[in-house]
Amino acid sequence: MNTLSKTLMTILILAAVAVMGVGIGYMGPVGIIAAGAVFTLLLLIYISLQKKTPVEPAAPTATLDDSIAQYGEPLNIVVVNPMRSNEPIGALLDYPNILVYDHTAIEKARITAVTFNNAAVAQLPDSYQLLIVVDGQDHPVHVPLGNDIEWAKDVYRQVATLLQTK
C-alpha cells in the first residue's frame, strides 16, 4: 500500500467511526444502519479510486530444454505434472546413471527407495507426492504429483520401472 492509499484508508476509518458515533448517540439503531451505509459508500469510493493493474504471470526462468542441454538427450521422460511439463519441475529425465528433476541430478546407484504418499491435507493442491530416498541425504526428494491418486500410482510405476533397469 502506498502512502496515498494509507491516508485514504485512515480518513475512511475515521469518517466511519465519527458517523457511527454520531448515529449511535442521536438515533440509536437507525443511526447504526445509517453509519453502516455511509461506511459502505466510503469503502466503495475507496475501492473505485484504486488503480487496477493487471498482473502478468511470471515466465518460467528455466525450461526442460535447459536441463536437456545440460545433461544431453534423456532415454525417457516421465511427466509428473502435465500443466508444467515444459518446466524442470514438471518432468523427471531418465539417463543411464542418473535421474534429473528440477535441474538436480540424482545418481541411480544412490537411490534406496521410491514411493508416493499423500501429504495428508486433502484441501490443498499437490497433496500426492513422489518421494525419492537418496543414500546420504537427510530428506527425500519430494516431487509434487497433484491430487489424483491414479496419476500418482502411474508416475510411481513408471519411475519404479526405470529404476529396476539401473
Foldseek 3Di string as FASTA:
>chain_A
DDPVLVVLVVVLVVQLVVQLVVLCVPPNPVSNVVSVVSSVVSVVVSVVPDDDDDDDDDDDPDWVVVLCVVVPQAPDKQAQAPVRRGHQLGIWGHHPQWIGGRSDTAGLVQFDDKDKDACPPLVDWLRIWIWTDGPPDPGTDTRRRTNDPVSSVVSRVVVVVSSVVD
